[in-house]
């Protein structure tokens, strides 16, 4: 059976790593990146659908997909999606910060509403699995707003009947971002010794490519559980 990877948050730190890893991997026949803007990247396996996550439920995805496929190369896969004869895995690495979003309300919209909307849409077109990047400390009851939103998002994603939901909770992420985050850069300096000393795996900073590889690995393994939380210390193995 053919396989398709649906990606959201592709322009972000982990999303970009996911895209590179998936392009190198032969597991998927097609990679569909969904986002507000297209990437300056071309590849025969990559299709980019442009649009906002606020109204993704109303998308005419078939028309969008056909517009990007002028040669009709992907026509059989479009039909396979419609006929539910293709295995689809959705990857969500959408996320921002309150500072970048501009307010708590806008942060919530991105990290909760847009993530949920993408997941719901993905399931609607046939995705059987969702791999979601959350955060260490995610808890809907947390007094830390960021962690409480991540925790609430996790709980709401569990209500969508995927065959498998993988929740990845990385610690501080190491990698090259398109945006500068002062607090994160300070934390990296303070926590870098944990990486050198190989101690406190739960809190040790983790590289973006490790998270991406862990997500692809778990997406393609047989699973006996419907919901699984993958902690940062386990992702350190990749």
C-alpha atoms as a PDB file:
ATOM      1  CA  UNK A   1       0.000   0.000   0.000  1.00  0.00           C
ATOM      2  CA  UNK A   2       1.222   3.495  -0.866  1.00  0.00           C
ATOM      3  CA  UNK A   3       2.150   5.838   1.975  1.00  0.00           C
ATOM      4  CA  UNK A   4       1.664   9.583   2.340  1.00  0.00           C
ATOM      5  CA  UNK A   5       3.068  11.901   5.001  1.00  0.00           C
ATOM      6  CA  UNK A   6       1.059  15.027   5.856  1.00  0.00           C
ATOM      7  CA  UNK A   7       3.197  17.731   7.476  1.00  0.00           C
ATOM      8  CA  UNK A   8       2.254  20.906   9.326  1.00  0.00           C
ATOM      9  CA  UNK A   9       4.712  23.355  10.850  1.00  0.00           C
ATOM     10  CA  UNK A  10       7.218  22.539   8.121  1.00  0.00           C
ATOM     11  CA  UNK A  11       8.939  25.927   8.274  1.00  0.00           C
ATOM     12  CA  UNK A  12       9.756  25.456  11.970  1.00  0.00           C
ATOM     13  CA  UNK A  13      12.745  23.846  13.645  1.00  0.00           C
ATOM     14  CA  UNK A  14      11.472  20.264  13.878  1.00  0.00           C
ATOM     15  CA  UNK A  15       9.218  20.557  10.840  1.00  0.00           C
ATOM     16  CA  UNK A  16      12.130  21.369   8.575  1.00  0.00           C
ATOM     17  CA  UNK A  17      14.125  18.455   9.967  1.00  0.00           C
ATOM     18  CA  UNK A  18      11.135  16.174   9.434  1.00  0.00           C
ATOM     19  CA  UNK A  19      10.909  17.257   5.830  1.00  0.00           C
ATOM     20  CA  UNK A  20      14.604  16.607   5.176  1.00  0.00           C
ATOM     21  CA  UNK A  21      14.488  13.213   6.897  1.00  0.00           C
ATOM     22  CA  UNK A  22      11.347  12.177   5.000  1.00  0.00           C
ATOM     23  CA  UNK A  23      12.815  13.214   1.655  1.00  0.00           C
ATOM     24  CA  UNK A  24      15.868  11.012   2.336  1.00  0.00           C
ATOM     25  CA  UNK A  25      13.657   8.148   3.534  1.00  0.00           C
ATOM     26  CA  UNK A  26      12.008   5.761   1.078  1.00  0.00           C
ATOM     27  CA  UNK A  27       9.073   4.974   3.365  1.00  0.00           C
ATOM     28  CA  UNK A  28       6.674   7.532   1.901  1.00  0.00           C
ATOM     29  CA  UNK A  29       5.658   7.893  -1.738  1.00  0.00           C
ATOM     30  CA  UNK A  30       4.444  11.461  -1.290  1.00  0.00           C
ATOM     31  CA  UNK A  31       5.017  14.232   1.239  1.00  0.00           C
ATOM     32  CA  UNK A  32       2.301  16.868   1.511  1.00  0.00           C
ATOM     33  CA  UNK A  33       3.342  20.005   3.370  1.00  0.00           C
ATOM     34  CA  UNK A  34       0.464  22.147   4.611  1.00  0.00           C
ATOM     35  CA  UNK A  35       1.007  25.765   5.635  1.00  0.00           C
ATOM     36  CA  UNK A  36       0.321  29.473   5.223  1.00  0.00           C
ATOM     37  CA  UNK A  37       3.278  29.930   2.904  1.00  0.00           C
ATOM     38  CA  UNK A  38       5.242  27.773   0.521  1.00  0.00           C
ATOM     39  CA  UNK A  39       8.841  26.791   1.137  1.00  0.00           C
ATOM     40  CA  UNK A  40      11.727  27.608  -1.181  1.00  0.00           C
ATOM     41  CA  UNK A  41      12.303  23.903  -1.714  1.00  0.00           C
ATOM     42  CA  UNK A  42      11.491  21.670  -4.645  1.00  0.00           C
ATOM     43  CA  UNK A  43      11.512  17.874  -4.716  1.00  0.00           C
ATOM     44  CA  UNK A  44       9.718  15.256  -6.777  1.00  0.00           C
ATOM     45  CA  UNK A  45       8.119  13.745  -3.645  1.00  0.00           C
ATOM     46  CA  UNK A  46       7.085  17.086  -2.134  1.00  0.00           C
ATOM     47  CA  UNK A  47       3.739  18.783  -2.708  1.00  0.00           C
ATOM     48  CA  UNK A  48       2.916  22.033  -0.927  1.00  0.00           C
ATOM     49  CA  UNK A  49      -0.654  23.072  -0.126  1.00  0.00           C
ATOM     50  CA  UNK A  50      -0.954  26.726   0.832  1.00  0.00           C
ATOM     51  CA  UNK A  51      -3.669  27.971   3.180  1.00  0.00           C
ATOM     52  CA  UNK A  52      -4.533  28.903   6.745  1.00  0.00           C
ATOM     53  CA  UNK A  53      -5.270  26.417   9.510  1.00  0.00           C
ATOM     54  CA  UNK A  54      -8.174  28.495  10.774  1.00  0.00           C
ATOM     55  CA  UNK A  55     -10.390  27.398   7.893  1.00  0.00           C
ATOM     56  CA  UNK A  56      -8.695  24.129   6.924  1.00  0.00           C
ATOM     57  CA  UNK A  57     -11.923  22.210   7.535  1.00  0.00           C
ATOM     58  CA  UNK A  58     -13.429  24.012   4.535  1.00  0.00           C
ATOM     59  CA  UNK A  59     -10.508  23.358   2.200  1.00  0.00           C
ATOM     60  CA  UNK A  60     -11.104  21.756  -1.171  1.00  0.00           C
ATOM     61  CA  UNK A  61      -7.924  19.735  -0.769  1.00  0.00           C
ATOM     62  CA  UNK A  62      -8.451  17.770  -3.959  1.00  0.00           C
ATOM     63  CA  UNK A  63      -8.524  20.911  -6.093  1.00  0.00           C
ATOM     64  CA  UNK A  64      -5.503  22.322  -4.252  1.00  0.00           C
ATOM     65  CA  UNK A  65      -3.583  19.115  -4.826  1.00  0.00           C
ATOM     66  CA  UNK A  66      -4.503  18.878  -8.496  1.00  0.00           C
ATOM     67  CA  UNK A  67      -3.382  22.478  -9.094  1.00  0.00           C
ATOM     68  CA  UNK A  68       0.116  21.580  -7.943  1.00  0.00           C
ATOM     69  CA  UNK A  69       0.173  18.473 -10.154  1.00  0.00           C
ATOM     70  CA  UNK A  70       0.124  19.952 -13.657  1.00  0.00           C
ATOM     71  CA  UNK A  71       1.477  16.792 -15.229  1.00  0.00           C
ATOM     72  CA  UNK A  72      -1.040  14.500 -13.577  1.00  0.00           C
ATOM     73  CA  UNK A  73       1.728  12.468 -11.937  1.00  0.00           C
ATOM     74  CA  UNK A  74      -0.102  12.221  -8.629  1.00  0.00           C
ATOM     75  CA  UNK A  75      -3.558  11.570 -10.038  1.00  0.00           C
ATOM     76  CA  UNK A  76      -3.560   7.890  -8.934  1.00  0.00           C
ATOM     77  CA  UNK A  77      -2.622   8.931  -5.389  1.00  0.00           C
ATOM     78  CA  UNK A  78      -5.394  11.548  -5.308  1.00  0.00           C
ATOM     79  CA  UNK A  79      -7.841   8.836  -6.265  1.00  0.00           C
ATOM     80  CA  UNK A  80      -6.318   6.463  -3.717  1.00  0.00           C
ATOM     81  CA  UNK A  81      -6.860   9.055  -0.977  1.00  0.00           C
ATOM     82  CA  UNK A  82     -10.495   9.432  -1.999  1.00  0.00           C
ATOM     83  CA  UNK A  83     -10.929   5.648  -2.072  1.00  0.00           C
ATOM     84  CA  UNK A  84      -9.172   5.193   1.302  1.00  0.00           C
ATOM     85  CA  UNK A  85      -6.587   2.952  -0.329  1.00  0.00           C
ATOM     86  CA  UNK A  86      -3.474   4.718   0.901  1.00  0.00           C
ATOM     87  CA  UNK A  87      -1.813   4.781   4.318  1.00  0.00           C
ATOM     88  CA  UNK A  88      -1.608   8.385   5.583  1.00  0.00           C
ATOM     89  CA  UNK A  89       0.431   9.561   8.568  1.00  0.00           C
ATOM     90  CA  UNK A  90       0.020  13.119   9.856  1.00  0.00           C
ATOM     91  CA  UNK A  91       2.909  14.953  11.511  1.00  0.00           C
ATOM     92  CA  UNK A  92       2.220  18.098  13.540  1.00  0.00           C
ATOM     93  CA  UNK A  93       5.061  20.301  14.740  1.00  0.00           C
ATOM     94  CA  UNK A  94       3.078  23.545  14.757  1.00  0.00           C
ATOM     95  CA  UNK A  95       4.061  25.893  17.550  1.00  0.00           C
ATOM     96  CA  UNK A  96       5.035  29.413  18.485  1.00  0.00           C
ATOM     97  CA  UNK A  97       5.719  31.530  21.588  1.00  0.00           C
ATOM     98  CA  UNK A  98       3.569  34.126  23.296  1.00  0.00           C
ATOM     99  CA  UNK A  99       6.095  36.791  22.312  1.00  0.00           C
ATOM    100  CA  UNK A 100       6.089  35.799  18.650  1.00  0.00           C
ATOM    101  CA  UNK A 101       2.309  35.385  18.568  1.00  0.00           C
ATOM    102  CA  UNK A 102       1.733  38.741  20.242  1.00  0.00           C
ATOM    103  CA  UNK A 103      -0.684  37.642  22.942  1.00  0.00           C
ATOM    104  CA  UNK A 104      -1.841  34.629  24.946  1.00  0.00           C
ATOM    105  CA  UNK A 105      -4.965  34.434  22.813  1.00  0.00           C
ATOM    106  CA  UNK A 106      -3.023  34.239  19.555  1.00  0.00           C
ATOM    107  CA  UNK A 107      -0.553  31.780  21.074  1.00  0.00           C
ATOM    108  CA  UNK A 108      -3.483  29.543  22.064  1.00  0.00           C
ATOM    109  CA  UNK A 109      -4.885  29.792  18.552  1.00  0.00           C
ATOM    110  CA  UNK A 110      -1.660  28.465  17.028  1.00  0.00           C
ATOM    111  CA  UNK A 111      -0.603  25.897  19.627  1.00  0.00           C
ATOM    112  CA  UNK A 112      -4.066  24.546  20.319  1.00  0.00           C
ATOM    113  CA  UNK A 113      -6.666  25.500  17.711  1.00  0.00           C
ATOM    114  CA  UNK A 114      -4.489  25.208  14.614  1.00  0.00           C
ATOM    115  CA  UNK A 115      -2.958  21.931  15.816  1.00  0.00           C
ATOM    116  CA  UNK A 116      -6.407  20.491  16.537  1.00  0.00           C
ATOM    117  CA  UNK A 117      -7.830  21.760  13.225  1.00  0.00           C
ATOM    118  CA  UNK A 118      -4.985  20.160  11.274  1.00  0.00           C
ATOM    119  CA  UNK A 119      -5.391  16.875  13.149  1.00  0.00           C
ATOM    120  CA  UNK A 120      -9.150  16.801  12.609  1.00  0.00           C
ATOM    121  CA  UNK A 121      -8.737  17.583   8.906  1.00  0.00           C
ATOM    122  CA  UNK A 122      -6.018  14.934   8.515  1.00  0.00           C
ATOM    123  CA  UNK A 123      -8.209  12.288  10.096  1.00  0.00           C
ATOM    124  CA  UNK A 124     -11.087  13.362   7.867  1.00  0.00           C
ATOM    125  CA  UNK A 125      -9.149  12.656   4.677  1.00  0.00           C
ATOM    126  CA  UNK A 126      -7.950   9.306   5.964  1.00  0.00           C
ATOM    127  CA  UNK A 127      -4.883   9.714   8.209  1.00  0.00           C
ATOM    128  CA  UNK A 128      -4.592   6.694  10.485  1.00  0.00           C
ATOM    129  CA  UNK A 129      -1.773   8.022  12.673  1.00  0.00           C
ATOM    130  CA  UNK A 130      -0.849  11.387  14.168  1.00  0.00           C
ATOM    131  CA  UNK A 131       2.617  12.238  15.444  1.00  0.00           C
ATOM    132  CA  UNK A 132       2.459  15.406  17.552  1.00  0.00           C
ATOM    133  CA  UNK A 133       5.293  17.496  18.997  1.00  0.00           C
ATOM    134  CA  UNK A 134       4.269  18.641  22.465  1.00  0.00           C
ATOM    135  CA  UNK A 135       6.701  19.643  25.216  1.00  0.00           C
ATOM    136  CA  UNK A 136       8.321  18.385  28.379  1.00  0.00           C
ATOM    137  CA  UNK A 137       6.077  19.339  31.287  1.00  0.00           C
ATOM    138  CA  UNK A 138       2.865  19.478  29.256  1.00  0.00           C
ATOM    139  CA  UNK A 139      -0.028  19.344  31.708  1.00  0.00           C
ATOM    140  CA  UNK A 140      -3.507  20.902  31.390  1.00  0.00           C
ATOM    141  CA  UNK A 141      -3.394  21.662  35.130  1.00  0.00           C
ATOM    142  CA  UNK A 142       0.020  23.348  35.032  1.00  0.00           C
ATOM    143  CA  UNK A 143       0.371  26.849  36.455  1.00  0.00           C
ATOM    144  CA  UNK A 144       2.734  27.601  33.546  1.00  0.00           C
ATOM    145  CA  UNK A 145       0.555  28.824  30.675  1.00  0.00           C
ATOM    146  CA  UNK A 146       2.738  27.307  27.928  1.00  0.00           C
ATOM    147  CA  UNK A 147       2.658  23.862  29.573  1.00  0.00           C
ATOM    148  CA  UNK A 148      -1.069  24.048  30.293  1.00  0.00           C
ATOM    149  CA  UNK A 149      -1.862  24.811  26.638  1.00  0.00           C
ATOM    150  CA  UNK A 150       0.349  21.954  25.465  1.00  0.00           C
ATOM    151  CA  UNK A 151      -1.366  19.636  27.953  1.00  0.00           C
ATOM    152  CA  UNK A 152      -4.830  20.726  26.877  1.00  0.00           C
ATOM    153  CA  UNK A 153      -3.903  20.168  23.245  1.00  0.00           C
ATOM    154  CA  UNK A 154      -2.716  16.641  24.051  1.00  0.00           C
ATOM    155  CA  UNK A 155      -6.023  15.838  25.749  1.00  0.00           C
ATOM    156  CA  UNK A 156      -8.115  17.221  22.900  1.00  0.00           C
ATOM    157  CA  UNK A 157      -6.139  15.295  20.287  1.00  0.00           C
ATOM    158  CA  UNK A 158      -7.001  12.091  22.143  1.00  0.00           C
ATOM    159  CA  UNK A 159     -10.671  12.655  21.253  1.00  0.00           C
ATOM    160  CA  UNK A 160      -9.924  12.223  17.533  1.00  0.00           C
ATOM    161  CA  UNK A 161     -10.129   8.482  16.771  1.00  0.00           C
ATOM    162  CA  UNK A 162      -6.741   7.905  15.171  1.00  0.00           C
ATOM    163  CA  UNK A 163      -5.490   4.321  15.153  1.00  0.00           C
ATOM    164  CA  UNK A 164      -2.371   5.688  16.843  1.00  0.00           C
ATOM    165  CA  UNK A 165      -1.485   9.002  18.475  1.00  0.00           C
ATOM    166  CA  UNK A 166       2.182   9.530  19.287  1.00  0.00           C
ATOM    167  CA  UNK A 167       2.840  12.445  21.654  1.00  0.00           C
ATOM    168  CA  UNK A 168       6.468  13.566  21.673  1.00  0.00           C
ATOM    169  CA  UNK A 169       7.632  15.619  24.661  1.00  0.00           C
ATOM    170  CA  UNK A 170      11.113  16.970  23.911  1.00  0.00           C
ATOM    171  CA  UNK A 171      13.186  18.978  26.359  1.00  0.00           C
ATOM    172  CA  UNK A 172      14.952  22.161  25.251  1.00  0.00           C
ATOM    173  CA  UNK A 173      15.519  21.953  21.500  1.00  0.00           C
ATOM    174  CA  UNK A 174      18.914  22.407  19.886  1.00  0.00           C
ATOM    175  CA  UNK A 175      19.039  23.528  16.278  1.00  0.00           C
ATOM    176  CA  UNK A 176      19.037  26.556  14.015  1.00  0.00           C
ATOM    177  CA  UNK A 177      15.809  28.527  14.151  1.00  0.00           C
ATOM    178  CA  UNK A 178      14.631  31.171  11.698  1.00  0.00           C
ATOM    179  CA  UNK A 179      13.744  33.374  14.668  1.00  0.00           C
ATOM    180  CA  UNK A 180      15.837  34.411  17.670  1.00  0.00           C
ATOM    181  CA  UNK A 181      14.498  33.413  21.102  1.00  0.00           C
ATOM    182  CA  UNK A 182      16.556  35.094  23.824  1.00  0.00           C
ATOM    183  CA  UNK A 183      15.297  33.000  26.731  1.00  0.00           C
ATOM    184  CA  UNK A 184      15.849  29.803  24.816  1.00  0.00           C
ATOM    185  CA  UNK A 185      19.408  30.782  23.893  1.00  0.00           C
ATOM    186  CA  UNK A 186      20.234  31.517  27.543  1.00  0.00           C
ATOM    187  CA  UNK A 187      18.746  28.172  28.592  1.00  0.00           C
ATOM    188  CA  UNK A 188      20.841  26.385  25.973  1.00  0.00           C
ATOM    189  CA  UNK A 189      24.028  27.852  27.439  1.00  0.00           C
ATOM    190  CA  UNK A 190      23.041  26.904  30.982  1.00  0.00           C
ATOM    191  CA  UNK A 191      21.946  23.377  30.075  1.00  0.00           C
ATOM    192  CA  UNK A 192      24.621  22.484  27.519  1.00  0.00           C
ATOM    193  CA  UNK A 193      26.817  20.805  30.200  1.00  0.00           C
ATOM    194  CA  UNK A 194      24.052  18.211  30.660  1.00  0.00           C
ATOM    195  CA  UNK A 195      24.633  17.118  27.054  1.00  0.00           C
ATOM    196  CA  UNK A 196      28.384  16.905  27.522  1.00  0.00           C
ATOM    197  CA  UNK A 197      28.114  14.938  30.761  1.00  0.00           C
ATOM    198  CA  UNK A 198      25.335  12.654  29.474  1.00  0.00           C
ATOM    199  CA  UNK A 199      23.358  13.049  32.692  1.00  0.00           C
ATOM    200  CA  UNK A 200      19.759  13.876  33.557  1.00  0.00           C
ATOM    201  CA  UNK A 201      18.404  12.478  30.291  1.00  0.00           C
ATOM    202  CA  UNK A 202      14.904  13.750  31.049  1.00  0.00           C
ATOM    203  CA  UNK A 203      16.023  17.401  30.982  1.00  0.00           C
ATOM    204  CA  UNK A 204      19.068  17.233  28.726  1.00  0.00           C
ATOM    205  CA  UNK A 205      18.728  19.416  25.585  1.00  0.00           C
ATOM    206  CA  UNK A 206      17.830  17.451  22.492  1.00  0.00           C
ATOM    207  CA  UNK A 207      18.663  18.060  18.837  1.00  0.00           C
ATOM    208  CA  UNK A 208      15.901  18.731  16.328  1.00  0.00           C
ATOM    209  CA  UNK A 209      17.016  15.835  14.118  1.00  0.00           C
ATOM    210  CA  UNK A 210      16.697  13.398  17.042  1.00  0.00           C
ATOM    211  CA  UNK A 211      13.059  14.356  17.524  1.00  0.00           C
ATOM    212  CA  UNK A 212      12.360  14.101  13.792  1.00  0.00           C
ATOM    213  CA  UNK A 213      13.965  10.648  13.521  1.00  0.00           C
ATOM    214  CA  UNK A 214      12.050   9.424  16.575  1.00  0.00           C
ATOM    215  CA  UNK A 215       8.760  10.579  15.065  1.00  0.00           C
ATOM    216  CA  UNK A 216       9.371   8.801  11.764  1.00  0.00           C
ATOM    217  CA  UNK A 217      10.490   5.646  13.578  1.00  0.00           C
ATOM    218  CA  UNK A 218       7.390   5.445  15.781  1.00  0.00           C
ATOM    219  CA  UNK A 219       5.078   6.328  12.892  1.00  0.00           C
ATOM    220  CA  UNK A 220       6.160   3.180  11.082  1.00  0.00           C
ATOM    221  CA  UNK A 221       6.311   0.670  13.920  1.00  0.00           C
ATOM    222  CA  UNK A 222       3.526  -1.823  14.754  1.00  0.00           C
ATOM    223  CA  UNK A 223       1.671  -0.468  17.790  1.00  0.00           C
ATOM    224  CA  UNK A 224      -0.495  -2.222  20.362  1.00  0.00           C
ATOM    225  CA  UNK A 225      -1.576   1.030  22.005  1.00  0.00           C
ATOM    226  CA  UNK A 226      -3.723   3.858  20.639  1.00  0.00           C
ATOM    227  CA  UNK A 227      -1.990   6.636  22.573  1.00  0.00           C
ATOM    228  CA  UNK A 228       1.697   6.745  23.464  1.00  0.00           C
ATOM    229  CA  UNK A 229       3.799   9.437  25.117  1.00  0.00           C
ATOM    230  CA  UNK A 230       7.421   9.432  24.004  1.00  0.00           C
ATOM    231  CA  UNK A 231       9.621  11.306  26.523  1.00  0.00           C
ATOM    232  CA  UNK A 232      12.712  13.299  25.650  1.00  0.00           C
ATOM    233  CA  UNK A 233      15.074  10.764  27.206  1.00  0.00           C
ATOM    234  CA  UNK A 234      13.821   8.092  24.799  1.00  0.00           C
ATOM    235  CA  UNK A 235      14.280  10.365  21.796  1.00  0.00           C
ATOM    236  CA  UNK A 236      17.920  10.907  22.839  1.00  0.00           C
ATOM    237  CA  UNK A 237      18.644   7.435  21.411  1.00  0.00           C
ATOM    238  CA  UNK A 238      18.161   8.610  17.832  1.00  0.00           C
END
